[in-house]
Each structure stands twice: as C-alpha cells, then as structure tokens.
PDB file of all heavy atoms in Angstrom:
ATOM      1  N   LEU A   1     -55.727  24.608-106.077  1.00  0.00           N
ATOM      2  CA  LEU A   1     -55.282  25.210-104.826  1.00  0.00           C
ATOM      3  C   LEU A   1     -55.421  24.184-103.668  1.00  0.00           C
ATOM      4  O   LEU A   1     -54.518  24.066-102.847  1.00  0.00           O
ATOM      5  CB  LEU A   1     -56.098  26.473-104.513  1.00  0.00           C
ATOM      6  CG  LEU A   1     -55.785  27.169-103.191  1.00  0.00           C
ATOM      7  CD1 LEU A   1     -54.349  27.650-103.191  1.00  0.00           C
ATOM      8  CD2 LEU A   1     -56.751  28.352-102.988  1.00  0.00           C
ATOM      9  N   PHE A   2     -56.563  23.497-103.632  1.00  0.00           N
ATOM     10  CA  PHE A   2     -56.767  22.477-102.577  1.00  0.00           C
ATOM     11  C   PHE A   2     -55.681  21.404-102.642  1.00  0.00           C
ATOM     12  O   PHE A   2     -55.141  20.987-101.613  1.00  0.00           O
ATOM     13  CB  PHE A   2     -58.145  21.858-102.743  1.00  0.00           C
ATOM     14  CG  PHE A   2     -59.290  22.792-102.534  1.00  0.00           C
ATOM     15  CD1 PHE A   2     -60.487  22.621-103.261  1.00  0.00           C
ATOM     16  CD2 PHE A   2     -59.220  23.852-101.641  1.00  0.00           C
ATOM     17  CE1 PHE A   2     -61.547  23.487-103.059  1.00  0.00           C
ATOM     18  CE2 PHE A   2     -60.263  24.747-101.472  1.00  0.00           C
ATOM     19  CZ  PHE A   2     -61.434  24.565-102.195  1.00  0.00           C
ATOM     20  N   GLU A   3     -55.373  20.977-103.842  1.00  0.00           N
ATOM     21  CA  GLU A   3     -54.459  19.847-103.992  1.00  0.00           C
ATOM     22  C   GLU A   3     -53.027  20.268-103.690  1.00  0.00           C
ATOM     23  O   GLU A   3     -52.266  19.522-103.052  1.00  0.00           O
ATOM     24  CB  GLU A   3     -54.547  19.262-105.387  1.00  0.00           C
ATOM     25  CG  GLU A   3     -55.869  18.525-105.650  1.00  0.00           C
ATOM     26  CD  GLU A   3     -55.922  17.834-106.998  1.00  0.00           C
ATOM     27  OE1 GLU A   3     -54.844  17.475-107.514  1.00  0.00           O
ATOM     28  OE2 GLU A   3     -57.013  17.691-107.552  1.00  0.00           O
ATOM     29  N   VAL A   4     -52.610  21.463-104.131  1.00  0.00           N
ATOM     30  CA  VAL A   4     -51.245  21.864-103.848  1.00  0.00           C
ATOM     31  C   VAL A   4     -51.025  22.194-102.368  1.00  0.00           C
ATOM     32  O   VAL A   4     -49.970  21.928-101.791  1.00  0.00           O
ATOM     33  CB  VAL A   4     -50.834  23.071-104.735  1.00  0.00           C
ATOM     34  CG1 VAL A   4     -51.472  24.368-104.265  1.00  0.00           C
ATOM     35  CG2 VAL A   4     -49.316  23.216-104.827  1.00  0.00           C
ATOM     36  N   ALA A   5     -52.070  22.730-101.733  1.00  0.00           N
ATOM     37  CA  ALA A   5     -51.983  23.000-100.294  1.00  0.00           C
ATOM     38  C   ALA A   5     -51.920  21.724 -99.480  1.00  0.00           C
ATOM     39  O   ALA A   5     -51.213  21.623 -98.472  1.00  0.00           O
ATOM     40  CB  ALA A   5     -53.180  23.838 -99.830  1.00  0.00           C
ATOM     41  N   SER A   6     -52.615  20.673 -99.952  1.00  0.00           N
ATOM     42  CA  SER A   6     -52.625  19.414 -99.220  1.00  0.00           C
ATOM     43  C   SER A   6     -51.274  18.696 -99.265  1.00  0.00           C
ATOM     44  O   SER A   6     -50.994  17.882 -98.419  1.00  0.00           O
ATOM     45  CB  SER A   6     -53.722  18.486 -99.795  1.00  0.00           C
ATOM     46  OG  SER A   6     -53.450  18.143-101.141  1.00  0.00           O
ATOM     47  N   ILE A   7     -50.427  19.055-100.240  1.00  0.00           N
ATOM     48  CA  ILE A   7     -49.097  18.424-100.327  1.00  0.00           C
ATOM     49  C   ILE A   7     -48.288  18.729 -99.073  1.00  0.00           C
ATOM     50  O   ILE A   7     -47.599  17.863 -98.533  1.00  0.00           O
ATOM     51  CB  ILE A   7     -48.329  18.931-101.552  1.00  0.00           C
ATOM     52  CG1 ILE A   7     -49.010  18.431-102.881  1.00  0.00           C
ATOM     53  CG2 ILE A   7     -46.874  18.494-101.514  1.00  0.00           C
ATOM     54  CD1 ILE A   7     -48.370  19.019-104.144  1.00  0.00           C
ATOM     55  N   ILE A   8     -48.386  19.985 -98.579  1.00  0.00           N
ATOM     56  CA  ILE A   8     -47.541  20.374 -97.455  1.00  0.00           C
ATOM     57  C   ILE A   8     -48.319  20.507 -96.149  1.00  0.00           C
ATOM     58  O   ILE A   8     -47.766  20.924 -95.132  1.00  0.00           O
ATOM     59  CB  ILE A   8     -46.851  21.727 -97.760  1.00  0.00           C
ATOM     60  CG1 ILE A   8     -47.858  22.827 -98.050  1.00  0.00           C
ATOM     61  CG2 ILE A   8     -45.877  21.580 -98.911  1.00  0.00           C
ATOM     62  CD1 ILE A   8     -47.221  24.219 -98.181  1.00  0.00           C
ATOM     63  N   LEU A   9     -49.570  20.144 -96.189  1.00  0.00           N
ATOM     64  CA  LEU A   9     -50.416  20.326 -94.965  1.00  0.00           C
ATOM     65  C   LEU A   9     -49.870  19.515 -93.767  1.00  0.00           C
ATOM     66  O   LEU A   9     -49.588  20.078 -92.694  1.00  0.00           O
ATOM     67  CB  LEU A   9     -51.861  19.897 -95.264  1.00  0.00           C
ATOM     68  CG  LEU A   9     -52.888  20.194 -94.176  1.00  0.00           C
ATOM     69  CD1 LEU A   9     -53.045  21.678 -93.939  1.00  0.00           C
ATOM     70  CD2 LEU A   9     -54.238  19.595 -94.561  1.00  0.00           C
ATOM     71  N   ILE A  10     -49.695  18.218 -93.957  1.00  0.00           N
ATOM     72  CA  ILE A  10     -49.200  17.365 -92.880  1.00  0.00           C
ATOM     73  C   ILE A  10     -47.719  17.637 -92.600  1.00  0.00           C
ATOM     74  O   ILE A  10     -47.307  17.702 -91.417  1.00  0.00           O
ATOM     75  CB  ILE A  10     -49.498  15.885 -93.188  1.00  0.00           C
ATOM     76  CG1 ILE A  10     -50.990  15.643 -93.214  1.00  0.00           C
ATOM     77  CG2 ILE A  10     -48.826  14.989 -92.116  1.00  0.00           C
ATOM     78  CD1 ILE A  10     -51.395  14.231 -93.583  1.00  0.00           C
ATOM     79  N   PRO A  11     -46.865  17.754 -93.612  1.00  0.00           N
ATOM     80  CA  PRO A  11     -45.460  18.060 -93.323  1.00  0.00           C
ATOM     81  C   PRO A  11     -45.246  19.337 -92.475  1.00  0.00           C
ATOM     82  O   PRO A  11     -44.434  19.348 -91.551  1.00  0.00           O
ATOM     83  CB  PRO A  11     -44.826  18.238 -94.707  1.00  0.00           C
ATOM     84  CG  PRO A  11     -45.643  17.310 -95.581  1.00  0.00           C
ATOM     85  CD  PRO A  11     -47.029  17.436 -95.028  1.00  0.00           C
ATOM     86  N   VAL A  12     -46.002  20.388 -92.755  1.00  0.00           N
ATOM     87  CA  VAL A  12     -45.880  21.609 -91.910  1.00  0.00           C
ATOM     88  C   VAL A  12     -46.407  21.362 -90.506  1.00  0.00           C
ATOM     89  O   VAL A  12     -45.826  21.820 -89.523  1.00  0.00           O
ATOM     90  CB  VAL A  12     -46.627  22.787 -92.601  1.00  0.00           C
ATOM     91  CG1 VAL A  12     -46.721  23.978 -91.677  1.00  0.00           C
ATOM     92  CG2 VAL A  12     -45.918  23.183 -93.874  1.00  0.00           C
ATOM     93  N   ALA A  13     -47.509  20.583 -90.428  1.00  0.00           N
ATOM     94  CA  ALA A  13     -48.056  20.290 -89.102  1.00  0.00           C
ATOM     95  C   ALA A  13     -47.047  19.486 -88.265  1.00  0.00           C
ATOM     96  O   ALA A  13     -46.982  19.657 -87.043  1.00  0.00           O
ATOM     97  CB  ALA A  13     -49.366  19.513 -89.241  1.00  0.00           C
ATOM     98  N   LEU A  14     -46.271  18.610 -88.911  1.00  0.00           N
ATOM     99  CA  LEU A  14     -45.264  17.817 -88.197  1.00  0.00           C
ATOM    100  C   LEU A  14     -44.191  18.698 -87.569  1.00  0.00           C
ATOM    101  O   LEU A  14     -43.620  18.299 -86.518  1.00  0.00           O
ATOM    102  CB  LEU A  14     -44.636  16.802 -89.126  1.00  0.00           C
ATOM    103  CG  LEU A  14     -45.519  15.615 -89.531  1.00  0.00           C
ATOM    104  CD1 LEU A  14     -44.768  14.743 -90.575  1.00  0.00           C
ATOM    105  CD2 LEU A  14     -45.856  14.763 -88.322  1.00  0.00           C
ATOM    106  N   VAL A  15     -43.904  19.864 -88.166  1.00  0.00           N
ATOM    107  CA  VAL A  15     -42.916  20.728 -87.544  1.00  0.00           C
ATOM    108  C   VAL A  15     -43.409  21.211 -86.168  1.00  0.00           C
ATOM    109  O   VAL A  15     -42.633  21.234 -85.200  1.00  0.00           O
ATOM    110  CB  VAL A  15     -42.675  21.944 -88.467  1.00  0.00           C
ATOM    111  CG1 VAL A  15     -41.694  22.930 -87.835  1.00  0.00           C
ATOM    112  CG2 VAL A  15     -42.134  21.504 -89.819  1.00  0.00           C
ATOM    113  N   PHE A  16     -44.692  21.511 -86.071  1.00  0.00           N
ATOM    114  CA  PHE A  16     -45.237  21.960 -84.802  1.00  0.00           C
ATOM    115  C   PHE A  16     -45.444  20.794 -83.852  1.00  0.00           C
ATOM    116  O   PHE A  16     -45.347  20.921 -82.639  1.00  0.00           O
ATOM    117  CB  PHE A  16     -46.556  22.717 -85.011  1.00  0.00           C
ATOM    118  CG  PHE A  16     -46.342  24.030 -85.714  1.00  0.00           C
ATOM    119  CD1 PHE A  16     -46.522  24.148 -87.080  1.00  0.00           C
ATOM    120  CD2 PHE A  16     -45.950  25.151 -84.992  1.00  0.00           C
ATOM    121  CE1 PHE A  16     -46.301  25.359 -87.710  1.00  0.00           C
ATOM    122  CE2 PHE A  16     -45.759  26.358 -85.623  1.00  0.00           C
ATOM    123  CZ  PHE A  16     -45.929  26.474 -86.979  1.00  0.00           C
ATOM    124  N   THR A  17     -45.702  19.600 -84.423  1.00  0.00           N
ATOM    125  CA  THR A  17     -45.761  18.394 -83.561  1.00  0.00           C
ATOM    126  C   THR A  17     -44.428  18.169 -82.860  1.00  0.00           C
ATOM    127  O   THR A  17     -44.397  17.840 -81.676  1.00  0.00           O
ATOM    128  CB  THR A  17     -46.104  17.158 -84.428  1.00  0.00           C
ATOM    129  OG1 THR A  17     -47.330  17.388 -85.117  1.00  0.00           O
ATOM    130  CG2 THR A  17     -46.212  15.910 -83.566  1.00  0.00           C
ATOM    131  N   PHE A  18     -43.345  18.390 -83.623  1.00  0.00           N
ATOM    132  CA  PHE A  18     -41.999  18.254 -83.014  1.00  0.00           C
ATOM    133  C   PHE A  18     -41.825  19.248 -81.863  1.00  0.00           C
ATOM    134  O   PHE A  18     -41.302  18.870 -80.779  1.00  0.00           O
ATOM    135  CB  PHE A  18     -40.930  18.512 -84.072  1.00  0.00           C
ATOM    136  CG  PHE A  18     -39.548  18.582 -83.538  1.00  0.00           C
ATOM    137  CD1 PHE A  18     -38.877  17.416 -83.124  1.00  0.00           C
ATOM    138  CD2 PHE A  18     -38.886  19.788 -83.459  1.00  0.00           C
ATOM    139  CE1 PHE A  18     -37.572  17.482 -82.617  1.00  0.00           C
ATOM    140  CE2 PHE A  18     -37.579  19.868 -82.975  1.00  0.00           C
ATOM    141  CZ  PHE A  18     -36.937  18.712 -82.549  1.00  0.00           C
ATOM    142  N   GLY A  19     -42.288  20.483 -82.050  1.00  0.00           N
ATOM    143  CA  GLY A  19     -42.175  21.468 -80.977  1.00  0.00           C
ATOM    144  C   GLY A  19     -42.939  21.062 -79.732  1.00  0.00           C
ATOM    145  O   GLY A  19     -42.475  21.293 -78.605  1.00  0.00           O
ATOM    146  N   HIS A  20     -44.116  20.466 -79.923  1.00  0.00           N
ATOM    147  CA  HIS A  20     -44.900  20.016 -78.753  1.00  0.00           C
ATOM    148  C   HIS A  20     -44.202  18.853 -78.034  1.00  0.00           C
ATOM    149  O   HIS A  20     -44.187  18.780 -76.816  1.00  0.00           O
ATOM    150  CB  HIS A  20     -46.282  19.564 -79.219  1.00  0.00           C
ATOM    151  CG  HIS A  20     -47.237  20.709 -79.468  1.00  0.00           C
ATOM    152  ND1 HIS A  20     -47.781  21.452 -78.467  1.00  0.00           N
ATOM    153  CD2 HIS A  20     -47.688  21.250 -80.651  1.00  0.00           C
ATOM    154  CE1 HIS A  20     -48.562  22.381 -78.990  1.00  0.00           C
ATOM    155  NE2 HIS A  20     -48.521  22.286 -80.316  1.00  0.00           N
ATOM    156  N   TYR A  21     -43.585  17.960 -78.815  1.00  0.00           N
ATOM    157  CA  TYR A  21     -42.893  16.784 -78.212  1.00  0.00           C
ATOM    158  C   TYR A  21     -41.710  17.261 -77.354  1.00  0.00           C
ATOM    159  O   TYR A  21     -41.474  16.706 -76.273  1.00  0.00           O
ATOM    160  CB  TYR A  21     -42.392  15.844 -79.304  1.00  0.00           C
ATOM    161  CG  TYR A  21     -43.412  14.773 -79.663  1.00  0.00           C
ATOM    162  CD1 TYR A  21     -43.866  14.628 -80.975  1.00  0.00           C
ATOM    163  CD2 TYR A  21     -43.892  13.896 -78.683  1.00  0.00           C
ATOM    164  CE1 TYR A  21     -44.796  13.647 -81.301  1.00  0.00           C
ATOM    165  CE2 TYR A  21     -44.836  12.919 -79.027  1.00  0.00           C
ATOM    166  CZ  TYR A  21     -45.243  12.809 -80.339  1.00  0.00           C
ATOM    167  OH  TYR A  21     -46.166  11.822 -80.663  1.00  0.00           O
ATOM    168  N   VAL A  22     -40.938  18.221 -77.857  1.00  0.00           N
ATOM    169  CA  VAL A  22     -39.770  18.676 -77.073  1.00  0.00           C
ATOM    170  C   VAL A  22     -40.115  19.806 -76.121  1.00  0.00           C
ATOM    171  O   VAL A  22     -39.253  20.360 -75.461  1.00  0.00           O
ATOM    172  CB  VAL A  22     -38.642  19.118 -78.040  1.00  0.00           C
ATOM    173  CG1 VAL A  22     -38.228  17.972 -78.917  1.00  0.00           C
ATOM    174  CG2 VAL A  22     -39.035  20.329 -78.879  1.00  0.00           C
ATOM    175  N   LYS A  23     -41.424  20.168 -76.097  1.00  0.00           N
ATOM    176  CA  LYS A  23     -41.943  21.211 -75.177  1.00  0.00           C
ATOM    177  C   LYS A  23     -41.243  22.536 -75.387  1.00  0.00           C
ATOM    178  O   LYS A  23     -40.903  23.266 -74.426  1.00  0.00           O
ATOM    179  CB  LYS A  23     -41.786  20.730 -73.720  1.00  0.00           C
ATOM    180  CG  LYS A  23     -42.588  19.458 -73.396  1.00  0.00           C
ATOM    181  CD  LYS A  23     -42.407  19.027 -71.959  1.00  0.00           C
ATOM    182  CE  LYS A  23     -43.322  17.871 -71.597  1.00  0.00           C
ATOM    183  NZ  LYS A  23     -43.038  16.694 -72.433  1.00  0.00           N
ATOM    184  N   ASP A  24     -41.017  22.886 -76.647  1.00  0.00           N
ATOM    185  CA  ASP A  24     -40.387  24.171 -76.946  1.00  0.00           C
ATOM    186  C   ASP A  24     -40.763  24.545 -78.402  1.00  0.00           C
ATOM    187  O   ASP A  24     -40.117  24.155 -79.364  1.00  0.00           O
ATOM    188  CB  ASP A  24     -38.879  24.076 -76.838  1.00  0.00           C
ATOM    189  CG  ASP A  24     -38.212  25.463 -76.962  1.00  0.00           C
ATOM    190  OD1 ASP A  24     -38.910  26.453 -77.233  1.00  0.00           O
ATOM    191  OD2 ASP A  24     -36.984  25.538 -76.814  1.00  0.00           O
ATOM    192  N   LEU A  25     -41.876  25.304 -78.540  1.00  0.00           N
ATOM    193  CA  LEU A  25     -42.365  25.678 -79.876  1.00  0.00           C
ATOM    194  C   LEU A  25     -41.407  26.665 -80.561  1.00  0.00           C
ATOM    195  O   LEU A  25     -41.532  26.893 -81.771  1.00  0.00           O
ATOM    196  CB  LEU A  25     -43.747  26.281 -79.772  1.00  0.00           C
ATOM    197  CG  LEU A  25     -44.894  25.245 -79.585  1.00  0.00           C
ATOM    198  CD1 LEU A  25     -46.216  25.960 -79.360  1.00  0.00           C
ATOM    199  CD2 LEU A  25     -44.987  24.310 -80.788  1.00  0.00           C
ATOM    200  N   ARG A  26     -40.453  27.246 -79.825  1.00  0.00           N
ATOM    201  CA  ARG A  26     -39.472  28.077 -80.486  1.00  0.00           C
ATOM    202  C   ARG A  26     -38.628  27.298 -81.488  1.00  0.00           C
ATOM    203  O   ARG A  26     -38.202  27.864 -82.513  1.00  0.00           O
ATOM    204  CB  ARG A  26     -38.572  28.758 -79.452  1.00  0.00           C
ATOM    205  CG  ARG A  26     -39.310  29.700 -78.479  1.00  0.00           C
ATOM    206  CD  ARG A  26     -38.337  30.239 -77.434  1.00  0.00           C
ATOM    207  NE  ARG A  26     -37.755  29.156 -76.669  1.00  0.00           N
ATOM    208  CZ  ARG A  26     -36.779  29.311 -75.736  1.00  0.00           C
ATOM    209  NH1 ARG A  26     -36.367  30.555 -75.476  1.00  0.00           N
ATOM    210  NH2 ARG A  26     -36.301  28.284 -75.104  1.00  0.00           N
ATOM    211  N   GLN A  27     -38.404  26.018 -81.187  1.00  0.00           N
ATOM    212  CA  GLN A  27     -37.652  25.189 -82.106  1.00  0.00           C
ATOM    213  C   GLN A  27     -38.444  25.030 -83.417  1.00  0.00           C
ATOM    214  O   GLN A  27     -37.889  25.087 -84.519  1.00  0.00           O
ATOM    215  CB  GLN A  27     -37.383  23.803 -81.503  1.00  0.00           C
ATOM    216  CG  GLN A  27     -36.763  23.823 -80.102  1.00  0.00           C
ATOM    217  CD  GLN A  27     -35.370  24.394 -80.128  1.00  0.00           C
ATOM    218  OE1 GLN A  27     -34.647  24.304 -81.130  1.00  0.00           O
ATOM    219  NE2 GLN A  27     -34.962  25.007 -79.027  1.00  0.00           N
ATOM    220  N   SER A  28     -39.755  24.895 -83.297  1.00  0.00           N
ATOM    221  CA  SER A  28     -40.610  24.763 -84.504  1.00  0.00           C
ATOM    222  C   SER A  28     -40.552  25.986 -85.312  1.00  0.00           C
ATOM    223  O   SER A  28     -40.489  25.950 -86.553  1.00  0.00           O
ATOM    224  CB  SER A  28     -42.051  24.408 -84.058  1.00  0.00           C
ATOM    225  OG  SER A  28     -42.114  23.185 -83.404  1.00  0.00           O
TER     226      SER A  28
END
C-alpha cells in the first residue's frame, strides 16, 4: 500500500501546485 500510493503522491500534488501557480485551484 505504501509503495503503490507513493507512485502517484508527487504527480497528484503537482496538479495542485499548478493551481497555486495560476492562482485558480478550480483548474486543479
């Protein structure tokens, strides 16, 4: 479980990072 969750941990976080950069979390 730890290993499979870690596969997508950073990729999912990057989606929200994008929302912060464009100042619109609705895009995320």
